[in-house]
Amino acid sequence: MARAASKMWECYCLRPTLNSPSTLLPVFLYGTAWKKDQTADLVYNAVHAGFRAVDTAAQPRHYQEHLVGDGIRQAIAEGLVRREDLYLQTKFSPIGAQDPNNMPYDPSLSVTEQVHASIKSSLHNLRPSADPSSVSDAYIDTLVIHSPLRTIEMTLEAWQALETYVPHRIRNLGISNCSLPILEALNASSATKVKPAIVQNRFYEDTAFDVPLRAFCRDNNIIYQSFWTLTANPDLVRSQPVQQLASQVKISPAAALYALVMGLGHTTVLNGTKNNDRMREDLAAPLLVQQFAQTQPVEWQQLLTGFQQLVGDA
């Protein structure tokens, strides 16, 4: 069960799967897409600033997963964190999402074999120390299918291949860029032993802010991860609830938007800022908003209700 509402500003506890260890998912994940050669330094800076969750993918087209590992290993080697202090999330990306000239697997392989090759590369990239033998100690907190495959049968094949790693090398499974029918099928299938713990989707107007899908997530104890939250929503940033919350709590409008999205419940947010000061300011904002919600509950509820109306939750 997810933690009580009073804790939703810090982290959620993902439901255990197949007796896997308890997994805490912080409300902010550091997003590593499109960071290119800066990836290692930015991941290290993010951990140094206080991020304790990192999202990446075995997709060289948009992510440098090996550099994510370099940044994490530097932070561990310097004693900033232990591996068990971090939530690491990566993805299996189907053929259609890959650069045909740079894939972590042979595209001629079966879906099952593609998954195994992708996971092998991710465990190597995200191993806890520079010593290659430390791959034996590597594990992934959540492995996400980057997008559904061409058919539900192929998606289920990939999911079942991932299940073979749970609970020891992979703790939880999820899916990204996912519609409600696909999520319902995964959650209901008698062919799967591990149910989705995570859905990572764009939070924006083109999908009507995923209102029915997010309701399904809340009803089924699935955490919704919002990405493209800031970039895709300039109108929300300028909206009255966001601007008023920013003014009253003395945080940036961007941080206020993130906090109101978190306020929708069972929701975490990807944050990919490259600015060190903004990293710290964004990380501090949820607890400042929590204090505001506790000391001024009527005002907070009015702002949250206004925001819910904007995104369709009301």
Protein backbone atom coordinates (compact mmCIF):
# COMPACT_ATOMS: atom_id res chain seq x y z
CA MET A 1 0.00 0.00 0.00
CA ALA A 2 1.23 3.48 -0.75
CA ARG A 3 2.13 5.58 2.26
CA ALA A 4 -0.47 7.75 3.92
CA ALA A 5 -1.20 11.20 2.50
CA SER A 6 0.99 12.86 5.13
CA LYS A 7 3.99 11.08 3.56
CA MET A 8 3.09 11.70 -0.07
CA TRP A 9 5.39 14.72 -0.14
CA GLU A 10 8.43 12.50 0.52
CA CYS A 11 8.06 9.08 -1.04
CA TYR A 12 5.77 6.15 -1.75
CA CYS A 13 6.33 2.56 -0.74
CA LEU A 14 5.75 0.37 -3.78
CA ARG A 15 3.68 -2.71 -3.18
CA PRO A 16 5.90 -5.78 -2.70
CA THR A 17 6.12 -8.26 -5.56
CA LEU A 18 7.09 -11.92 -5.13
CA ASN A 19 8.56 -11.16 -1.70
CA SER A 20 10.85 -8.47 -3.08
CA PRO A 21 12.40 -6.06 -0.56
CA SER A 22 10.37 -2.96 0.26
CA THR A 23 11.04 -0.23 -2.31
CA LEU A 24 10.71 3.47 -1.55
CA LEU A 25 10.05 5.73 -4.53
CA PRO A 26 10.87 9.42 -3.86
CA VAL A 27 8.40 11.97 -5.23
CA PHE A 28 11.07 13.40 -7.55
CA LEU A 29 13.09 11.31 -9.99
CA TYR A 30 16.03 12.84 -11.79
CA GLY A 31 15.38 12.40 -15.51
CA THR A 32 18.43 11.68 -17.67
CA ALA A 33 17.06 11.82 -21.22
CA TRP A 34 18.94 14.00 -23.74
CA LYS A 35 21.78 14.81 -21.35
CA LYS A 36 24.38 13.37 -23.80
CA ASP A 37 28.02 13.81 -22.69
CA GLN A 38 26.93 15.81 -19.64
CA THR A 39 25.05 12.84 -18.21
CA ALA A 40 27.60 11.61 -15.67
CA ASP A 41 28.28 15.07 -14.23
CA LEU A 42 24.58 15.95 -14.07
CA VAL A 43 23.65 12.68 -12.35
CA TYR A 44 26.44 13.18 -9.82
CA ASN A 45 25.31 16.79 -9.24
CA ALA A 46 21.71 15.62 -8.83
CA VAL A 47 22.67 13.06 -6.20
CA HIS A 48 24.87 15.65 -4.48
CA ALA A 49 21.90 18.07 -4.45
CA GLY A 50 19.68 15.46 -2.80
CA PHE A 51 17.97 13.46 -5.53
CA ARG A 52 17.62 9.84 -4.44
CA ALA A 53 15.86 8.49 -7.52
CA VAL A 54 17.23 8.37 -11.06
CA ASP A 55 15.42 7.41 -14.25
CA THR A 56 17.22 6.21 -17.36
CA ALA A 57 16.82 3.73 -20.22
CA ALA A 58 18.74 1.18 -22.28
CA GLN A 59 18.14 3.39 -25.31
CA PRO A 60 21.34 5.04 -26.62
CA ARG A 61 19.22 7.10 -28.99
CA HIS A 62 18.12 9.37 -26.11
CA TYR A 63 19.95 8.16 -22.97
CA GLN A 64 23.54 7.43 -21.98
CA GLU A 65 22.85 4.71 -19.42
CA HIS A 66 26.55 3.90 -18.95
CA LEU A 67 27.21 7.54 -18.03
CA VAL A 68 24.30 7.45 -15.58
CA GLY A 69 26.16 4.56 -13.97
CA ASP A 70 29.40 6.56 -13.93
CA GLY A 71 27.72 9.42 -12.08
CA ILE A 72 26.15 7.08 -9.54
CA ARG A 73 29.40 5.17 -8.99
CA GLN A 74 31.25 8.43 -8.35
CA ALA A 75 28.67 9.43 -5.73
CA ILE A 76 28.93 6.01 -4.07
CA ALA A 77 32.75 6.00 -4.18
CA GLU A 78 32.86 9.43 -2.51
CA GLY A 79 30.50 8.31 0.25
CA LEU A 80 27.64 10.63 -0.70
CA VAL A 81 25.22 7.70 -0.79
CA ARG A 82 25.08 3.94 -0.59
CA ARG A 83 23.49 1.97 -3.40
CA GLU A 84 20.63 1.01 -1.08
CA ASP A 85 19.89 4.72 -0.53
CA LEU A 86 19.05 5.13 -4.21
CA TYR A 87 16.08 4.20 -6.38
CA LEU A 88 17.34 3.33 -9.87
CA GLN A 89 14.89 2.89 -12.71
CA THR A 90 15.68 1.95 -16.27
CA LYS A 91 13.78 0.73 -19.31
CA PHE A 92 13.62 -1.93 -21.97
CA SER A 93 13.05 -0.02 -25.21
CA PRO A 94 11.45 -1.92 -28.11
CA ILE A 95 13.01 -1.91 -31.59
CA GLY A 96 10.84 0.95 -32.86
CA ALA A 97 12.22 3.28 -30.17
CA GLN A 98 15.87 2.44 -30.83
CA ASP A 99 18.53 3.89 -33.13
CA PRO A 100 18.92 1.08 -35.69
CA ASN A 101 22.69 1.65 -35.66
CA ASN A 102 23.09 1.58 -31.88
CA MET A 103 20.97 -0.89 -29.91
CA PRO A 104 21.67 -2.82 -26.70
CA TYR A 105 20.52 -6.04 -28.39
CA ASP A 106 20.36 -7.77 -31.77
CA PRO A 107 17.01 -6.81 -33.37
CA SER A 108 16.84 -10.19 -35.11
CA LEU A 109 16.46 -11.92 -31.74
CA SER A 110 13.10 -12.89 -30.28
CA VAL A 111 11.41 -10.43 -27.92
CA THR A 112 12.41 -12.61 -24.97
CA GLU A 113 16.06 -12.66 -26.05
CA GLN A 114 16.00 -8.89 -26.66
CA VAL A 115 14.82 -8.38 -23.08
CA HIS A 116 17.58 -10.60 -21.67
CA ALA A 117 20.28 -8.78 -23.66
CA SER A 118 18.91 -5.37 -22.64
CA ILE A 119 18.82 -6.32 -18.95
CA LYS A 120 22.35 -7.71 -19.11
CA SER A 121 23.61 -4.39 -20.50
CA SER A 122 21.66 -2.37 -17.91
CA LEU A 123 22.98 -4.39 -14.98
CA HIS A 124 26.51 -3.83 -16.29
CA ASN A 125 25.94 -0.11 -16.83
CA LEU A 126 24.36 0.38 -13.39
CA ARG A 127 26.73 -1.82 -11.38
CA PRO A 128 27.69 -0.24 -8.01
CA SER A 129 31.46 0.06 -8.57
CA ALA A 130 33.93 0.38 -11.43
CA ASP A 131 35.06 -3.21 -10.90
CA PRO A 132 33.28 -5.24 -13.61
CA SER A 133 32.75 -8.07 -11.14
CA SER A 134 30.43 -5.83 -9.11
CA VAL A 135 27.76 -6.57 -11.71
CA SER A 136 26.96 -9.59 -9.55
CA ASP A 137 25.73 -7.13 -6.89
CA ALA A 138 23.80 -4.96 -9.32
CA TYR A 139 20.03 -4.69 -9.16
CA ILE A 140 17.36 -2.43 -10.63
CA ASP A 141 14.60 -1.04 -8.44
CA THR A 142 12.09 -0.81 -11.27
CA LEU A 143 12.34 -1.92 -14.89
CA VAL A 144 9.90 -0.16 -17.20
CA ILE A 145 8.83 -1.24 -20.69
CA HIS A 146 9.48 2.00 -22.54
CA SER A 147 6.38 1.65 -24.70
CA PRO A 148 3.98 -1.18 -25.55
CA LEU A 149 5.19 -3.46 -28.30
CA ARG A 150 3.34 -3.88 -31.62
CA THR A 151 0.81 -6.34 -30.18
CA ILE A 152 -0.46 -7.13 -26.71
CA GLU A 153 0.97 -10.64 -27.16
CA MET A 154 4.45 -9.22 -27.75
CA THR A 155 4.07 -6.87 -24.81
CA LEU A 156 3.09 -9.79 -22.59
CA GLU A 157 6.08 -11.78 -23.88
CA ALA A 158 8.41 -8.95 -22.89
CA TRP A 159 6.70 -8.64 -19.50
CA GLN A 160 7.02 -12.37 -18.80
CA ALA A 161 10.72 -12.25 -19.69
CA LEU A 162 11.17 -9.38 -17.22
CA GLU A 163 9.34 -11.33 -14.53
CA THR A 164 12.13 -13.92 -14.50
CA TYR A 165 14.39 -11.31 -12.84
CA VAL A 166 11.95 -10.45 -10.04
CA PRO A 167 12.57 -10.12 -7.09
CA HIS A 168 16.37 -10.44 -7.02
CA ARG A 169 17.86 -8.53 -9.98
CA ILE A 170 14.73 -6.42 -10.57
CA ARG A 171 12.44 -5.39 -7.71
CA ASN A 172 9.40 -3.98 -9.57
CA LEU A 173 8.02 -3.65 -13.09
CA GLY A 174 6.25 -0.83 -14.90
CA ILE A 175 5.32 0.52 -18.31
CA SER A 176 5.63 3.88 -20.04
CA ASN A 177 3.78 5.68 -22.84
CA CYS A 178 0.86 3.43 -22.03
CA SER A 179 -2.87 3.66 -22.74
CA LEU A 180 -5.53 2.60 -20.27
CA PRO A 181 -6.57 -0.55 -22.26
CA ILE A 182 -2.95 -1.80 -22.29
CA LEU A 183 -2.56 -1.11 -18.58
CA GLU A 184 -5.82 -2.88 -17.80
CA ALA A 185 -4.73 -5.87 -19.87
CA LEU A 186 -1.38 -6.13 -18.09
CA ASN A 187 -2.97 -5.75 -14.69
CA ALA A 188 -5.69 -8.34 -15.36
CA SER A 189 -3.76 -10.94 -17.35
CA SER A 190 -3.64 -14.39 -15.80
CA ALA A 191 -0.36 -14.88 -17.70
CA THR A 192 1.50 -12.37 -15.50
CA LYS A 193 2.68 -12.94 -11.95
CA VAL A 194 3.95 -9.41 -11.31
CA LYS A 195 1.46 -6.58 -11.66
CA PRO A 196 2.50 -3.09 -12.77
CA ALA A 197 3.83 -0.92 -9.96
CA ILE A 198 4.59 2.11 -12.15
CA VAL A 199 3.10 3.91 -15.13
CA GLN A 200 5.27 6.67 -16.61
CA ASN A 201 3.38 8.91 -19.05
CA ARG A 202 3.42 12.40 -20.46
CA PHE A 203 1.20 14.62 -18.35
CA TYR A 204 -0.30 17.02 -20.84
CA GLU A 205 -3.43 18.28 -22.53
CA ASP A 206 -3.16 16.06 -25.61
CA THR A 207 -4.03 13.03 -23.46
CA ALA A 208 -6.53 15.01 -21.36
CA PHE A 209 -4.00 14.65 -18.53
CA ASP A 210 -4.63 10.89 -18.35
CA VAL A 211 -7.59 11.35 -16.00
CA PRO A 212 -9.15 7.85 -16.39
CA LEU A 213 -5.75 6.16 -16.42
CA ARG A 214 -4.64 7.98 -13.27
CA ALA A 215 -7.91 7.01 -11.58
CA PHE A 216 -7.20 3.39 -12.48
CA CYS A 217 -3.72 3.75 -11.00
CA ARG A 218 -5.10 5.11 -7.73
CA ASP A 219 -7.68 2.32 -7.53
CA ASN A 220 -5.05 -0.36 -8.17
CA ASN A 221 -2.17 0.97 -6.07
CA ILE A 222 -0.06 1.89 -9.10
CA ILE A 223 2.15 4.99 -8.95
CA TYR A 224 1.79 7.40 -11.85
CA GLN A 225 5.04 9.05 -12.92
CA SER A 226 4.53 12.34 -14.72
CA PHE A 227 7.05 13.40 -17.34
CA TRP A 228 7.20 16.38 -19.70
CA THR A 229 5.33 18.08 -16.87
CA LEU A 230 6.90 21.49 -17.21
CA THR A 231 7.79 21.65 -20.90
CA ALA A 232 4.36 20.58 -22.17
CA ASN A 233 2.29 22.77 -19.87
CA PRO A 234 3.14 26.48 -20.15
CA ASP A 235 -0.54 27.36 -19.67
CA LEU A 236 -0.63 25.46 -16.38
CA VAL A 237 2.53 27.24 -15.22
CA ARG A 238 0.76 30.56 -15.82
CA SER A 239 -2.50 29.41 -14.24
CA GLN A 240 -3.97 31.05 -11.14
CA PRO A 241 -3.58 28.05 -8.77
CA VAL A 242 0.09 27.58 -9.72
CA GLN A 243 0.96 31.27 -9.54
CA GLN A 244 -0.86 31.74 -6.24
CA LEU A 245 0.79 28.71 -4.65
CA ALA A 246 4.19 29.93 -5.82
CA SER A 247 3.52 33.34 -4.29
CA GLN A 248 2.18 32.06 -0.98
CA VAL A 249 4.88 29.43 -0.41
CA LYS A 250 7.66 31.50 -2.00
CA ILE A 251 8.72 28.88 -4.50
CA SER A 252 9.10 29.05 -8.27
CA PRO A 253 6.05 28.54 -10.50
CA ALA A 254 7.75 25.41 -11.87
CA ALA A 255 8.08 23.95 -8.38
CA ALA A 256 4.49 24.94 -7.60
CA LEU A 257 3.28 23.07 -10.69
CA TYR A 258 5.23 20.00 -9.65
CA ALA A 259 3.73 20.17 -6.15
CA LEU A 260 0.16 20.47 -7.43
CA VAL A 261 0.69 17.49 -9.73
CA MET A 262 1.95 15.53 -6.72
CA GLY A 263 -1.12 16.74 -4.84
CA LEU A 264 -3.31 14.75 -7.26
CA GLY A 265 -2.24 11.64 -5.33
CA HIS A 266 -0.30 8.46 -6.15
CA THR A 267 1.85 10.65 -8.41
CA THR A 268 5.57 11.30 -8.69
CA VAL A 269 7.37 13.61 -11.10
CA LEU A 270 10.43 13.41 -13.34
CA ASN A 271 12.67 16.45 -13.05
CA GLY A 272 15.49 16.93 -15.55
CA THR A 273 16.85 20.36 -14.66
CA LYS A 274 20.53 20.94 -15.36
CA ASN A 275 20.75 23.87 -12.93
CA ASN A 276 22.23 23.00 -9.53
CA ASP A 277 20.38 25.75 -7.66
CA ARG A 278 17.09 24.74 -9.23
CA MET A 279 17.73 21.12 -8.24
CA ARG A 280 17.91 22.12 -4.60
CA GLU A 281 14.99 24.53 -4.81
CA ASP A 282 12.75 21.96 -6.50
CA LEU A 283 13.69 19.26 -3.98
CA ALA A 284 12.86 21.59 -1.08
CA ALA A 285 9.48 22.64 -2.49
CA PRO A 286 7.32 19.58 -1.66
CA LEU A 287 7.99 19.82 2.07
CA LEU A 288 7.37 23.58 2.00
CA VAL A 289 4.03 22.89 0.32
CA GLN A 290 3.30 20.18 2.88
CA GLN A 291 3.82 22.72 5.66
CA PHE A 292 1.53 25.15 3.86
CA ALA A 293 -1.13 22.46 3.44
CA GLN A 294 -0.95 21.64 7.15
CA THR A 295 -1.01 25.22 8.42
CA GLN A 296 -3.48 26.61 5.85
CA PRO A 297 -5.60 23.61 4.84
CA VAL A 298 -8.53 25.64 3.49
CA GLU A 299 -6.32 27.72 1.21
CA TRP A 300 -4.44 24.62 0.06
CA GLN A 301 -7.64 22.77 -0.72
CA GLN A 302 -8.96 25.72 -2.71
CA LEU A 303 -5.80 25.84 -4.80
CA LEU A 304 -5.76 22.07 -5.31
CA THR A 305 -9.44 22.06 -6.29
CA GLY A 306 -8.80 24.84 -8.79
CA PHE A 307 -5.91 22.85 -10.24
CA GLN A 308 -8.01 19.67 -10.40
CA GLN A 309 -10.60 21.57 -12.40
CA LEU A 310 -7.95 22.70 -14.87
CA VAL A 311 -6.72 19.15 -15.52
CA GLY A 312 -10.12 17.49 -15.41
CA ASP A 313 -9.89 15.62 -12.13
CA ALA A 314 -12.85 17.45 -10.64
